[in-house]
Amino acid sequence: MPTISQFYGIVIQMFWNEHAPPHFHATYGEYKATININTFANLGFWPEFDQNQFD
């Protein structure tokens, strides 16, 4: 799967010919999520982040 971006240990990947609806895959350690591009709905499990850790 082609990698689109990597940041803070998160890897964003996308297939060009995958099933609808349009989405991308995100992995962070053992966590995996599929994010709908139109609604940003998370179709997987993703941990809650403390926003202050990125300041």
PDB file of N, CA and C in Angstrom:
ATOM      1  N   MET A   1       0.859  -1.168   0.000  1.00  0.00           N
ATOM      2  CA  MET A   1       0.000   0.000   0.000  1.00  0.00           C
ATOM      3  C   MET A   1       0.905   1.230   0.000  1.00  0.00           C
ATOM      4  N   PRO A   2       0.730   2.162  -0.914  1.00  0.00           N
ATOM      5  CA  PRO A   2       1.567   3.362  -0.965  1.00  0.00           C
ATOM      6  C   PRO A   2       1.378   4.241   0.268  1.00  0.00           C
ATOM      7  N   THR A   3       2.482   4.722   0.800  1.00  0.00           N
ATOM      8  CA  THR A   3       2.453   5.621   1.949  1.00  0.00           C
ATOM      9  C   THR A   3       2.326   7.057   1.461  1.00  0.00           C
ATOM     10  N   ILE A   4       1.323   7.762   1.976  1.00  0.00           N
ATOM     11  CA  ILE A   4       1.061   9.159   1.611  1.00  0.00           C
ATOM     12  C   ILE A   4       1.847  10.093   2.523  1.00  0.00           C
ATOM     13  N   SER A   5       1.848   9.775   3.843  1.00  0.00           N
ATOM     14  CA  SER A   5       2.496  10.651   4.809  1.00  0.00           C
ATOM     15  C   SER A   5       2.863   9.860   6.061  1.00  0.00           C
ATOM     16  N   GLN A   6       3.843  10.386   6.808  1.00  0.00           N
ATOM     17  CA  GLN A   6       4.230   9.841   8.106  1.00  0.00           C
ATOM     18  C   GLN A   6       4.519  11.004   9.042  1.00  0.00           C
ATOM     19  N   PHE A   7       3.942  10.974  10.247  1.00  0.00           N
ATOM     20  CA  PHE A   7       4.185  12.020  11.241  1.00  0.00           C
ATOM     21  C   PHE A   7       3.809  11.498  12.621  1.00  0.00           C
ATOM     22  N   TYR A   8       4.587  11.863  13.650  1.00  0.00           N
ATOM     23  CA  TYR A   8       4.353  11.454  15.040  1.00  0.00           C
ATOM     24  C   TYR A   8       4.128   9.950  15.173  1.00  0.00           C
ATOM     25  N   GLY A   9       4.729   9.146  14.317  1.00  0.00           N
ATOM     26  CA  GLY A   9       4.550   7.698  14.371  1.00  0.00           C
ATOM     27  C   GLY A   9       3.307   7.199  13.667  1.00  0.00           C
ATOM     28  N   ILE A  10       2.532   8.104  13.079  1.00  0.00           N
ATOM     29  CA  ILE A  10       1.320   7.739  12.349  1.00  0.00           C
ATOM     30  C   ILE A  10       1.674   7.585  10.879  1.00  0.00           C
ATOM     31  N   VAL A  11       1.197   6.513  10.258  1.00  0.00           N
ATOM     32  CA  VAL A  11       1.445   6.271   8.837  1.00  0.00           C
ATOM     33  C   VAL A  11       0.107   6.340   8.105  1.00  0.00           C
ATOM     34  N   ILE A  12       0.025   7.172   7.074  1.00  0.00           N
ATOM     35  CA  ILE A  12      -1.179   7.332   6.257  1.00  0.00           C
ATOM     36  C   ILE A  12      -0.933   6.650   4.918  1.00  0.00           C
ATOM     37  N   GLN A  13      -1.839   5.743   4.546  1.00  0.00           N
ATOM     38  CA  GLN A  13      -1.683   4.995   3.302  1.00  0.00           C
ATOM     39  C   GLN A  13      -2.999   4.970   2.537  1.00  0.00           C
ATOM     40  N   MET A  14      -2.891   4.804   1.207  1.00  0.00           N
ATOM     41  CA  MET A  14      -4.078   4.791   0.368  1.00  0.00           C
ATOM     42  C   MET A  14      -3.833   3.924  -0.873  1.00  0.00           C
ATOM     43  N   PHE A  15      -4.826   3.111  -1.217  1.00  0.00           N
ATOM     44  CA  PHE A  15      -4.815   2.369  -2.476  1.00  0.00           C
ATOM     45  C   PHE A  15      -5.501   3.220  -3.536  1.00  0.00           C
ATOM     46  N   TRP A  16      -5.032   3.161  -4.758  1.00  0.00           N
ATOM     47  CA  TRP A  16      -5.668   3.958  -5.813  1.00  0.00           C
ATOM     48  C   TRP A  16      -6.890   3.262  -6.393  1.00  0.00           C
ATOM     49  N   ASN A  17      -7.013   1.940  -6.244  1.00  0.00           N
ATOM     50  CA  ASN A  17      -8.116   1.213  -6.889  1.00  0.00           C
ATOM     51  C   ASN A  17      -8.947   0.428  -5.879  1.00  0.00           C
ATOM     52  N   GLU A  18      -9.044   0.911  -4.657  1.00  0.00           N
ATOM     53  CA  GLU A  18      -9.777   0.188  -3.631  1.00  0.00           C
ATOM     54  C   GLU A  18     -11.263   0.519  -3.682  1.00  0.00           C
ATOM     55  N   HIS A  19     -12.049  -0.230  -2.938  1.00  0.00           N
ATOM     56  CA  HIS A  19     -13.511  -0.135  -2.928  1.00  0.00           C
ATOM     57  C   HIS A  19     -14.004   1.233  -2.442  1.00  0.00           C
ATOM     58  N   ALA A  20     -15.254   1.539  -2.775  1.00  0.00           N
ATOM     59  CA  ALA A  20     -15.910   2.762  -2.308  1.00  0.00           C
ATOM     60  C   ALA A  20     -16.351   2.558  -0.862  1.00  0.00           C
ATOM     61  N   PRO A  21     -16.587   3.611  -0.105  1.00  0.00           N
ATOM     62  CA  PRO A  21     -16.386   5.022  -0.392  1.00  0.00           C
ATOM     63  C   PRO A  21     -14.904   5.376  -0.329  1.00  0.00           C
ATOM     64  N   PRO A  22     -14.521   6.536  -0.877  1.00  0.00           N
ATOM     65  CA  PRO A  22     -13.117   6.959  -0.825  1.00  0.00           C
ATOM     66  C   PRO A  22     -12.634   7.050   0.622  1.00  0.00           C
ATOM     67  N   HIS A  23     -11.482   6.474   0.891  1.00  0.00           N
ATOM     68  CA  HIS A  23     -10.978   6.438   2.258  1.00  0.00           C
ATOM     69  C   HIS A  23      -9.467   6.273   2.256  1.00  0.00           C
ATOM     70  N   PHE A  24      -8.853   6.492   3.438  1.00  0.00           N
ATOM     71  CA  PHE A  24      -7.436   6.200   3.607  1.00  0.00           C
ATOM     72  C   PHE A  24      -7.261   5.388   4.884  1.00  0.00           C
ATOM     73  N   HIS A  25      -6.123   4.752   4.989  1.00  0.00           N
ATOM     74  CA  HIS A  25      -5.804   3.918   6.137  1.00  0.00           C
ATOM     75  C   HIS A  25      -4.757   4.628   6.980  1.00  0.00           C
ATOM     76  N   ALA A  26      -4.933   4.596   8.297  1.00  0.00           N
ATOM     77  CA  ALA A  26      -3.966   5.174   9.219  1.00  0.00           C
ATOM     78  C   ALA A  26      -3.568   4.099  10.222  1.00  0.00           C
ATOM     79  N   THR A  27      -2.274   3.996  10.494  1.00  0.00           N
ATOM     80  CA  THR A  27      -1.798   3.072  11.514  1.00  0.00           C
ATOM     81  C   THR A  27      -0.920   3.832  12.496  1.00  0.00           C
ATOM     82  N   TYR A  28      -1.021   3.430  13.750  1.00  0.00           N
ATOM     83  CA  TYR A  28      -0.218   4.018  14.812  1.00  0.00           C
ATOM     84  C   TYR A  28       0.056   2.893  15.793  1.00  0.00           C
ATOM     85  N   GLY A  29       1.229   2.289  15.700  1.00  0.00           N
ATOM     86  CA  GLY A  29       1.534   1.125  16.522  1.00  0.00           C
ATOM     87  C   GLY A  29       0.577   0.003  16.196  1.00  0.00           C
ATOM     88  N   GLU A  30      -0.132  -0.484  17.217  1.00  0.00           N
ATOM     89  CA  GLU A  30      -1.085  -1.575  17.000  1.00  0.00           C
ATOM     90  C   GLU A  30      -2.468  -1.088  16.582  1.00  0.00           C
ATOM     91  N   TYR A  31      -2.675   0.226  16.518  1.00  0.00           N
ATOM     92  CA  TYR A  31      -3.975   0.784  16.156  1.00  0.00           C
ATOM     93  C   TYR A  31      -4.094   0.944  14.652  1.00  0.00           C
ATOM     94  N   LYS A  32      -5.288   0.648  14.145  1.00  0.00           N
ATOM     95  CA  LYS A  32      -5.554   0.804  12.710  1.00  0.00           C
ATOM     96  C   LYS A  32      -6.916   1.445  12.535  1.00  0.00           C
ATOM     97  N   ALA A  33      -6.991   2.388  11.621  1.00  0.00           N
ATOM     98  CA  ALA A  33      -8.258   3.049  11.333  1.00  0.00           C
ATOM     99  C   ALA A  33      -8.405   3.210   9.832  1.00  0.00           C
ATOM    100  N   THR A  34      -9.631   3.193   9.385  1.00  0.00           N
ATOM    101  CA  THR A  34      -9.976   3.508   8.006  1.00  0.00           C
ATOM    102  C   THR A  34     -10.836   4.756   8.074  1.00  0.00           C
ATOM    103  N   ILE A  35     -10.398   5.824   7.431  1.00  0.00           N
ATOM    104  CA  ILE A  35     -11.067   7.124   7.533  1.00  0.00           C
ATOM    105  C   ILE A  35     -11.761   7.452   6.212  1.00  0.00           C
ATOM    106  N   ASN A  36     -13.065   7.671   6.272  1.00  0.00           N
ATOM    107  CA  ASN A  36     -13.837   8.078   5.105  1.00  0.00           C
ATOM    108  C   ASN A  36     -13.444   9.507   4.745  1.00  0.00           C
ATOM    109  N   ILE A  37     -13.029   9.744   3.514  1.00  0.00           N
ATOM    110  CA  ILE A  37     -12.567  11.073   3.094  1.00  0.00           C
ATOM    111  C   ILE A  37     -13.708  12.087   3.070  1.00  0.00           C
ATOM    112  N   ASN A  38     -14.918  11.662   2.729  1.00  0.00           N
ATOM    113  CA  ASN A  38     -16.046  12.594   2.634  1.00  0.00           C
ATOM    114  C   ASN A  38     -16.571  13.029   3.994  1.00  0.00           C
ATOM    115  N   THR A  39     -16.609  12.115   4.976  1.00  0.00           N
ATOM    116  CA  THR A  39     -17.219  12.419   6.272  1.00  0.00           C
ATOM    117  C   THR A  39     -16.224  12.429   7.427  1.00  0.00           C
ATOM    118  N   PHE A  40     -15.006  11.968   7.188  1.00  0.00           N
ATOM    119  CA  PHE A  40     -13.968  11.789   8.212  1.00  0.00           C
ATOM    120  C   PHE A  40     -14.402  10.828   9.309  1.00  0.00           C
ATOM    121  N   ALA A  41     -15.381   9.972   9.012  1.00  0.00           N
ATOM    122  CA  ALA A  41     -15.804   8.957   9.971  1.00  0.00           C
ATOM    123  C   ALA A  41     -14.689   7.926  10.114  1.00  0.00           C
ATOM    124  N   ASN A  42     -14.424   7.544  11.357  1.00  0.00           N
ATOM    125  CA  ASN A  42     -13.400   6.550  11.651  1.00  0.00           C
ATOM    126  C   ASN A  42     -14.064   5.181  11.683  1.00  0.00           C
ATOM    127  N   LEU A  43     -13.610   4.277  10.830  1.00  0.00           N
ATOM    128  CA  LEU A  43     -14.193   2.948  10.753  1.00  0.00           C
ATOM    129  C   LEU A  43     -13.352   1.918  11.499  1.00  0.00           C
ATOM    130  N   GLY A  44     -12.416   2.362  12.320  1.00  0.00           N
ATOM    131  CA  GLY A  44     -11.569   1.458  13.094  1.00  0.00           C
ATOM    132  C   GLY A  44     -11.373   1.985  14.495  1.00  0.00           C
ATOM    133  N   PHE A  45     -10.459   1.379  15.247  1.00  0.00           N
ATOM    134  CA  PHE A  45     -10.186   1.820  16.614  1.00  0.00           C
ATOM    135  C   PHE A  45      -8.974   2.732  16.616  1.00  0.00           C
ATOM    136  N   TRP A  46      -9.085   3.848  17.298  1.00  0.00           N
ATOM    137  CA  TRP A  46      -8.007   4.831  17.368  1.00  0.00           C
ATOM    138  C   TRP A  46      -7.955   5.391  18.779  1.00  0.00           C
ATOM    139  N   PRO A  47      -6.773   5.512  19.380  1.00  0.00           N
ATOM    140  CA  PRO A  47      -6.691   6.011  20.756  1.00  0.00           C
ATOM    141  C   PRO A  47      -7.002   7.505  20.832  1.00  0.00           C
ATOM    142  N   GLU A  48      -7.465   7.936  21.993  1.00  0.00           N
ATOM    143  CA  GLU A  48      -7.651   9.366  22.240  1.00  0.00           C
ATOM    144  C   GLU A  48      -6.278   9.980  22.484  1.00  0.00           C
ATOM    145  N   PHE A  49      -6.000  11.097  21.858  1.00  0.00           N
ATOM    146  CA  PHE A  49      -4.725  11.773  22.026  1.00  0.00           C
ATOM    147  C   PHE A  49      -4.888  12.980  22.923  1.00  0.00           C
ATOM    148  N   ASP A  50      -3.885  13.235  23.725  1.00  0.00           N
ATOM    149  CA  ASP A  50      -3.814  14.461  24.509  1.00  0.00           C
ATOM    150  C   ASP A  50      -3.262  15.535  23.584  1.00  0.00           C
ATOM    151  N   GLN A  51      -4.076  16.507  23.230  1.00  0.00           N
ATOM    152  CA  GLN A  51      -3.658  17.532  22.277  1.00  0.00           C
ATOM    153  C   GLN A  51      -2.435  18.292  22.761  1.00  0.00           C
ATOM    154  N   ASN A  52      -2.227  18.382  24.083  1.00  0.00           N
ATOM    155  CA  ASN A  52      -1.090  19.115  24.617  1.00  0.00           C
ATOM    156  C   ASN A  52       0.256  18.446  24.292  1.00  0.00           C
ATOM    157  N   GLN A  53       0.247  17.162  23.976  1.00  0.00           N
ATOM    158  CA  GLN A  53       1.510  16.487  23.689  1.00  0.00           C
ATOM    159  C   GLN A  53       2.130  16.964  22.381  1.00  0.00           C
ATOM    160  N   PHE A  54       1.352  17.666  21.552  1.00  0.00           N
ATOM    161  CA  PHE A  54       1.857  18.137  20.273  1.00  0.00           C
ATOM    162  C   PHE A  54       2.256  19.616  20.305  1.00  0.00           C
ATOM    163  N   ASP A  55       2.093  20.270  21.445  1.00  0.00           N
ATOM    164  CA  ASP A  55       2.448  21.698  21.555  1.00  0.00           C
ATOM    165  C   ASP A  55       3.932  21.874  21.791  1.00  0.00           C
TER     166      ASP A  55
END
